Amino acid sequence: MLFLIDIFYNYHEQNLFSNYYTLFMSDTKNVIFDFKENSNISDWLVVDDVVMGGKSNGSFKINNHGYGEYSGLVSLENNGGFSSLRYRFKQLKIENFTNVVVRIKGDGNKYQFRIKDDFSNSYSYVYTFLTMNNEWQNIIIPLKEMYPAFRGRKLDMNNFSANKIHQIAFLIGNKIQQKFKLEIDIIYLQ
């Protein structure tokens, strides 16, 4: 009898593990980037207003807690006023998803989350969000609410409706000089 019970529990545990593994693996397909202590961030690029003569200065690293840390100073000198952090990757099909979720710890500043369906486009699709000061939060970004913009101007085009994305970005540019710090844990599709 004990032998049969052991077989039942072993079978049951294996099925639970198998179901959990399948669920976990299906969820990992949704992940755009999950920051860890050993994450390779070489494809993440900081682009500041210095490309237009400005003086803003952003930086990006993996911090001691294993999170992506984007920080710096936005300056208005020389007609500057923005810093951005961009990540380009192989085109990702997103037809089964309606949101991007970003788990971040902010500084109370307002940021933009941006996507491109083709990195060669001059414009991006934009969603603005406000962070809480030094608290973790999940920002849910509805893809269909992301509007097209170029150099801070909204374009006369439809909101995002593509079935793929090729680049994501964070941007801070609130028309004031300000220090900023944004910790990023994970970015995924939902």
C-alpha atoms as a PDB file:
ATOM      1  CA  MET A   1       0.000   0.000   0.000  1.00  0.00           C
ATOM      2  CA  LEU A   2       2.805   2.450   0.890  1.00  0.00           C
ATOM      3  CA  PHE A   3       4.457   1.606  -2.419  1.00  0.00           C
ATOM      4  CA  LEU A   4       1.276   2.651  -4.299  1.00  0.00           C
ATOM      5  CA  ILE A   5       1.025   5.858  -2.278  1.00  0.00           C
ATOM      6  CA  ASP A   6       4.660   6.684  -3.111  1.00  0.00           C
ATOM      7  CA  ILE A   7       3.974   6.084  -6.802  1.00  0.00           C
ATOM      8  CA  PHE A   8       0.879   8.300  -6.629  1.00  0.00           C
ATOM      9  CA  TYR A   9       2.748  11.166  -4.905  1.00  0.00           C
ATOM     10  CA  ASN A  10       5.758  10.885  -7.205  1.00  0.00           C
ATOM     11  CA  TYR A  11       3.478  10.923 -10.247  1.00  0.00           C
ATOM     12  CA  HIS A  12       1.480  13.822  -8.796  1.00  0.00           C
ATOM     13  CA  GLU A  13       4.648  15.834  -7.974  1.00  0.00           C
ATOM     14  CA  GLN A  14       6.053  15.215 -11.456  1.00  0.00           C
ATOM     15  CA  ASN A  15       2.811  16.428 -13.033  1.00  0.00           C
ATOM     16  CA  LEU A  16       2.801  19.506 -10.809  1.00  0.00           C
ATOM     17  CA  PHE A  17       6.419  20.189 -11.741  1.00  0.00           C
ATOM     18  CA  SER A  18       5.668  19.560 -15.402  1.00  0.00           C
ATOM     19  CA  ASN A  19       2.627  21.881 -15.323  1.00  0.00           C
ATOM     20  CA  TYR A  20       4.588  24.545 -13.453  1.00  0.00           C
ATOM     21  CA  TYR A  21       7.514  24.200 -15.871  1.00  0.00           C
ATOM     22  CA  THR A  22       5.186  24.491 -18.888  1.00  0.00           C
ATOM     23  CA  LEU A  23       3.491  27.541 -17.392  1.00  0.00           C
ATOM     24  CA  PHE A  24       6.829  29.133 -16.517  1.00  0.00           C
ATOM     25  CA  MET A  25       8.305  28.439 -19.947  1.00  0.00           C
ATOM     26  CA  SER A  26       5.253  29.866 -21.701  1.00  0.00           C
ATOM     27  CA  ASP A  27       5.574  33.000 -19.568  1.00  0.00           C
ATOM     28  CA  THR A  28       9.258  33.395 -20.418  1.00  0.00           C
ATOM     29  CA  LYS A  29       8.336  33.769 -24.081  1.00  0.00           C
ATOM     30  CA  ASN A  30       6.634  37.033 -23.085  1.00  0.00           C
ATOM     31  CA  VAL A  31       9.752  38.547 -21.507  1.00  0.00           C
ATOM     32  CA  ILE A  32      11.470  41.345 -23.410  1.00  0.00           C
ATOM     33  CA  PHE A  33      14.236  41.759 -20.798  1.00  0.00           C
ATOM     34  CA  ASP A  34      14.679  40.458 -17.254  1.00  0.00           C
ATOM     35  CA  PHE A  35      17.531  42.144 -15.390  1.00  0.00           C
ATOM     36  CA  LYS A  36      19.848  40.018 -13.264  1.00  0.00           C
ATOM     37  CA  GLU A  37      23.300  40.514 -11.729  1.00  0.00           C
ATOM     38  CA  ASN A  38      24.928  38.863 -14.742  1.00  0.00           C
ATOM     39  CA  SER A  39      22.692  40.368 -17.476  1.00  0.00           C
ATOM     40  CA  ASN A  40      24.423  41.376 -20.686  1.00  0.00           C
ATOM     41  CA  ILE A  41      23.386  44.998 -21.243  1.00  0.00           C
ATOM     42  CA  SER A  42      25.662  45.677 -24.205  1.00  0.00           C
ATOM     43  CA  ASP A  43      22.627  46.153 -26.499  1.00  0.00           C
ATOM     44  CA  TRP A  44      21.244  48.918 -24.251  1.00  0.00           C
ATOM     45  CA  LEU A  45      22.326  52.372 -25.425  1.00  0.00           C
ATOM     46  CA  VAL A  46      22.034  55.775 -23.737  1.00  0.00           C
ATOM     47  CA  VAL A  47      21.279  58.589 -26.200  1.00  0.00           C
ATOM     48  CA  ASP A  48      21.262  62.092 -24.703  1.00  0.00           C
ATOM     49  CA  ASP A  49      20.579  65.511 -26.175  1.00  0.00           C
ATOM     50  CA  VAL A  50      24.332  65.876 -26.797  1.00  0.00           C
ATOM     51  CA  VAL A  51      23.533  64.554 -30.285  1.00  0.00           C
ATOM     52  CA  MET A  52      21.913  67.992 -30.802  1.00  0.00           C
ATOM     53  CA  GLY A  53      24.437  70.040 -28.792  1.00  0.00           C
ATOM     54  CA  GLY A  54      22.804  69.656 -25.357  1.00  0.00           C
ATOM     55  CA  LYS A  55      24.502  68.895 -22.044  1.00  0.00           C
ATOM     56  CA  SER A  56      22.337  66.160 -20.482  1.00  0.00           C
ATOM     57  CA  ASN A  57      24.159  63.119 -19.149  1.00  0.00           C
ATOM     58  CA  GLY A  58      22.575  59.698 -18.626  1.00  0.00           C
ATOM     59  CA  SER A  59      24.212  56.409 -17.705  1.00  0.00           C
ATOM     60  CA  PHE A  60      23.118  52.789 -17.461  1.00  0.00           C
ATOM     61  CA  LYS A  61      24.455  49.857 -15.437  1.00  0.00           C
ATOM     62  CA  ILE A  62      23.462  46.777 -13.474  1.00  0.00           C
ATOM     63  CA  ASN A  63      23.381  47.885  -9.836  1.00  0.00           C
ATOM     64  CA  ASN A  64      24.373  45.916  -6.721  1.00  0.00           C
ATOM     65  CA  HIS A  65      20.829  44.497  -6.429  1.00  0.00           C
ATOM     66  CA  GLY A  66      20.855  43.091  -9.980  1.00  0.00           C
ATOM     67  CA  TYR A  67      18.504  45.691 -11.476  1.00  0.00           C
ATOM     68  CA  GLY A  68      19.064  47.881 -14.493  1.00  0.00           C
ATOM     69  CA  GLU A  69      19.799  51.399 -13.213  1.00  0.00           C
ATOM     70  CA  TYR A  70      19.284  54.344 -15.551  1.00  0.00           C
ATOM     71  CA  SER A  71      20.330  57.637 -13.956  1.00  0.00           C
ATOM     72  CA  GLY A  72      21.803  61.025 -14.664  1.00  0.00           C
ATOM     73  CA  LEU A  73      21.002  64.695 -15.129  1.00  0.00           C
ATOM     74  CA  VAL A  74      18.786  66.356 -17.710  1.00  0.00           C
ATOM     75  CA  SER A  75      20.133  69.798 -18.574  1.00  0.00           C
ATOM     76  CA  LEU A  76      18.439  72.581 -20.530  1.00  0.00           C
ATOM     77  CA  GLU A  77      21.770  74.133 -21.584  1.00  0.00           C
ATOM     78  CA  ASN A  78      22.344  74.633 -25.331  1.00  0.00           C
ATOM     79  CA  ASN A  79      18.680  73.883 -26.084  1.00  0.00           C
ATOM     80  CA  GLY A  80      18.979  70.420 -24.533  1.00  0.00           C
ATOM     81  CA  GLY A  81      16.467  68.715 -22.325  1.00  0.00           C
ATOM     82  CA  PHE A  82      16.320  64.929 -22.678  1.00  0.00           C
ATOM     83  CA  SER A  83      18.042  61.650 -22.001  1.00  0.00           C
ATOM     84  CA  SER A  84      16.959  58.286 -23.393  1.00  0.00           C
ATOM     85  CA  LEU A  85      17.803  54.628 -22.902  1.00  0.00           C
ATOM     86  CA  ARG A  86      17.222  52.373 -25.912  1.00  0.00           C
ATOM     87  CA  TYR A  87      17.199  48.634 -26.447  1.00  0.00           C
ATOM     88  CA  ARG A  88      17.056  47.182 -29.952  1.00  0.00           C
ATOM     89  CA  PHE A  89      16.495  43.462 -30.502  1.00  0.00           C
ATOM     90  CA  LYS A  90      15.413  40.975 -33.136  1.00  0.00           C
ATOM     91  CA  GLN A  91      11.841  41.788 -34.164  1.00  0.00           C
ATOM     92  CA  LEU A  92       9.423  40.309 -31.666  1.00  0.00           C
ATOM     93  CA  LYS A  93       5.944  39.212 -32.782  1.00  0.00           C
ATOM     94  CA  ILE A  94       3.302  40.547 -30.426  1.00  0.00           C
ATOM     95  CA  GLU A  95      -0.045  39.754 -32.085  1.00  0.00           C
ATOM     96  CA  ASN A  96      -1.258  37.822 -29.017  1.00  0.00           C
ATOM     97  CA  PHE A  97      -0.490  40.610 -26.535  1.00  0.00           C
ATOM     98  CA  THR A  98      -2.185  43.896 -25.672  1.00  0.00           C
ATOM     99  CA  ASN A  99       0.117  45.403 -22.994  1.00  0.00           C
ATOM    100  CA  VAL A 100       3.728  45.919 -22.087  1.00  0.00           C
ATOM    101  CA  VAL A 101       4.375  45.655 -18.340  1.00  0.00           C
ATOM    102  CA  VAL A 102       7.388  47.327 -16.770  1.00  0.00           C
ATOM    103  CA  ARG A 103       8.345  46.686 -13.127  1.00  0.00           C
ATOM    104  CA  ILE A 104      10.296  49.751 -12.027  1.00  0.00           C
ATOM    105  CA  LYS A 105      11.331  51.750  -8.995  1.00  0.00           C
ATOM    106  CA  GLY A 106      11.276  55.438  -9.800  1.00  0.00           C
ATOM    107  CA  ASP A 107      12.097  58.793  -8.309  1.00  0.00           C
ATOM    108  CA  GLY A 108       8.783  60.639  -8.612  1.00  0.00           C
ATOM    109  CA  ASN A 109       9.623  61.912 -12.119  1.00  0.00           C
ATOM    110  CA  LYS A 110       7.577  61.521 -15.284  1.00  0.00           C
ATOM    111  CA  TYR A 111       9.031  59.270 -18.007  1.00  0.00           C
ATOM    112  CA  GLN A 112       8.077  58.094 -21.457  1.00  0.00           C
ATOM    113  CA  PHE A 113       8.096  54.476 -22.573  1.00  0.00           C
ATOM    114  CA  ARG A 114       8.640  54.232 -26.318  1.00  0.00           C
ATOM    115  CA  ILE A 115       8.484  51.459 -28.879  1.00  0.00           C
ATOM    116  CA  LYS A 116       9.255  51.106 -32.571  1.00  0.00           C
ATOM    117  CA  ASP A 117       7.861  48.417 -34.829  1.00  0.00           C
ATOM    118  CA  ASP A 118      10.882  49.022 -37.089  1.00  0.00           C
ATOM    119  CA  PHE A 119      14.017  50.571 -35.607  1.00  0.00           C
ATOM    120  CA  SER A 120      14.703  52.469 -38.863  1.00  0.00           C
ATOM    121  CA  ASN A 121      11.539  54.591 -38.379  1.00  0.00           C
ATOM    122  CA  SER A 122      12.332  58.155 -37.341  1.00  0.00           C
ATOM    123  CA  TYR A 123       9.264  58.233 -35.066  1.00  0.00           C
ATOM    124  CA  SER A 124       8.344  56.218 -31.977  1.00  0.00           C
ATOM    125  CA  TYR A 125       5.105  55.272 -30.267  1.00  0.00           C
ATOM    126  CA  VAL A 126       4.905  56.899 -26.838  1.00  0.00           C
ATOM    127  CA  TYR A 127       3.260  56.290 -23.478  1.00  0.00           C
ATOM    128  CA  THR A 128       3.898  58.673 -20.563  1.00  0.00           C
ATOM    129  CA  PHE A 129       3.879  57.487 -16.955  1.00  0.00           C
ATOM    130  CA  LEU A 130       4.571  58.962 -13.534  1.00  0.00           C
ATOM    131  CA  THR A 131       6.776  57.098 -11.081  1.00  0.00           C
ATOM    132  CA  MET A 132       6.360  56.910  -7.327  1.00  0.00           C
ATOM    133  CA  ASN A 133       9.295  58.060  -5.249  1.00  0.00           C
ATOM    134  CA  ASN A 134      11.469  55.077  -4.298  1.00  0.00           C
ATOM    135  CA  GLU A 135       8.657  52.489  -4.531  1.00  0.00           C
ATOM    136  CA  TRP A 136       8.356  49.486  -6.826  1.00  0.00           C
ATOM    137  CA  GLN A 137       5.415  49.599  -9.202  1.00  0.00           C
ATOM    138  CA  ASN A 138       4.143  47.716 -12.225  1.00  0.00           C
ATOM    139  CA  ILE A 139       3.406  50.097 -15.074  1.00  0.00           C
ATOM    140  CA  ILE A 140       0.882  48.561 -17.487  1.00  0.00           C
ATOM    141  CA  ILE A 141       1.194  50.139 -20.928  1.00  0.00           C
ATOM    142  CA  PRO A 142      -1.712  49.450 -23.322  1.00  0.00           C
ATOM    143  CA  LEU A 143      -0.151  49.121 -26.777  1.00  0.00           C
ATOM    144  CA  LYS A 144      -3.196  50.607 -28.531  1.00  0.00           C
ATOM    145  CA  GLU A 145      -2.866  53.802 -26.422  1.00  0.00           C
ATOM    146  CA  MET A 146       0.681  54.486 -27.595  1.00  0.00           C
ATOM    147  CA  TYR A 147       0.665  57.487 -29.936  1.00  0.00           C
ATOM    148  CA  PRO A 148       3.221  58.273 -32.672  1.00  0.00           C
ATOM    149  CA  ALA A 149       5.641  61.145 -32.011  1.00  0.00           C
ATOM    150  CA  PHE A 150       8.797  62.619 -33.486  1.00  0.00           C
ATOM    151  CA  ARG A 151      11.057  64.998 -31.550  1.00  0.00           C
ATOM    152  CA  GLY A 152       8.377  65.659 -28.967  1.00  0.00           C
ATOM    153  CA  ARG A 153       5.586  66.363 -31.466  1.00  0.00           C
ATOM    154  CA  LYS A 154       2.558  64.104 -31.804  1.00  0.00           C
ATOM    155  CA  LEU A 155       2.123  62.977 -35.401  1.00  0.00           C
ATOM    156  CA  ASP A 156      -1.095  62.826 -37.410  1.00  0.00           C
ATOM    157  CA  MET A 157      -1.055  59.038 -37.597  1.00  0.00           C
ATOM    158  CA  ASN A 158      -2.948  56.189 -35.944  1.00  0.00           C
ATOM    159  CA  ASN A 159      -1.912  54.834 -32.565  1.00  0.00           C
ATOM    160  CA  PHE A 160       0.233  51.712 -32.438  1.00  0.00           C
ATOM    161  CA  SER A 161      -1.365  48.729 -34.198  1.00  0.00           C
ATOM    162  CA  ALA A 162       1.586  46.714 -35.536  1.00  0.00           C
ATOM    163  CA  ASN A 163       2.075  43.023 -34.802  1.00  0.00           C
ATOM    164  CA  LYS A 164       5.780  43.328 -33.959  1.00  0.00           C
ATOM    165  CA  ILE A 165       8.234  45.501 -32.060  1.00  0.00           C
ATOM    166  CA  HIS A 166      11.902  46.056 -32.789  1.00  0.00           C
ATOM    167  CA  GLN A 167      13.006  48.571 -30.153  1.00  0.00           C
ATOM    168  CA  ILE A 168      11.944  49.838 -26.745  1.00  0.00           C
ATOM    169  CA  ALA A 169      13.144  52.957 -24.953  1.00  0.00           C
ATOM    170  CA  PHE A 170      12.764  55.042 -21.828  1.00  0.00           C
ATOM    171  CA  LEU A 171      13.004  58.812 -22.144  1.00  0.00           C
ATOM    172  CA  ILE A 172      13.008  61.644 -19.641  1.00  0.00           C
ATOM    173  CA  GLY A 173      12.466  65.168 -20.929  1.00  0.00           C
ATOM    174  CA  ASN A 174      10.126  67.253 -18.782  1.00  0.00           C
ATOM    175  CA  LYS A 175      11.347  70.717 -19.899  1.00  0.00           C
ATOM    176  CA  ILE A 176      13.116  71.237 -16.574  1.00  0.00           C
ATOM    177  CA  GLN A 177      16.630  70.565 -15.338  1.00  0.00           C
ATOM    178  CA  GLN A 178      16.449  67.510 -13.095  1.00  0.00           C
ATOM    179  CA  LYS A 179      18.376  64.576 -11.711  1.00  0.00           C
ATOM    180  CA  PHE A 180      16.810  61.190 -12.378  1.00  0.00           C
ATOM    181  CA  LYS A 181      17.122  57.556 -11.359  1.00  0.00           C
ATOM    182  CA  LEU A 182      15.017  54.669 -12.623  1.00  0.00           C
ATOM    183  CA  GLU A 183      15.584  51.065 -11.549  1.00  0.00           C
ATOM    184  CA  ILE A 184      14.228  48.434 -13.926  1.00  0.00           C
ATOM    185  CA  ASP A 185      13.483  44.859 -12.899  1.00  0.00           C
ATOM    186  CA  ILE A 186      11.641  43.258 -15.828  1.00  0.00           C
ATOM    187  CA  ILE A 187       9.872  44.235 -19.045  1.00  0.00           C
ATOM    188  CA  TYR A 188       7.366  41.791 -20.512  1.00  0.00           C
ATOM    189  CA  LEU A 189       4.323  41.429 -22.753  1.00  0.00           C
ATOM    190  CA  GLN A 190       0.884  40.645 -21.392  1.00  0.00           C
END
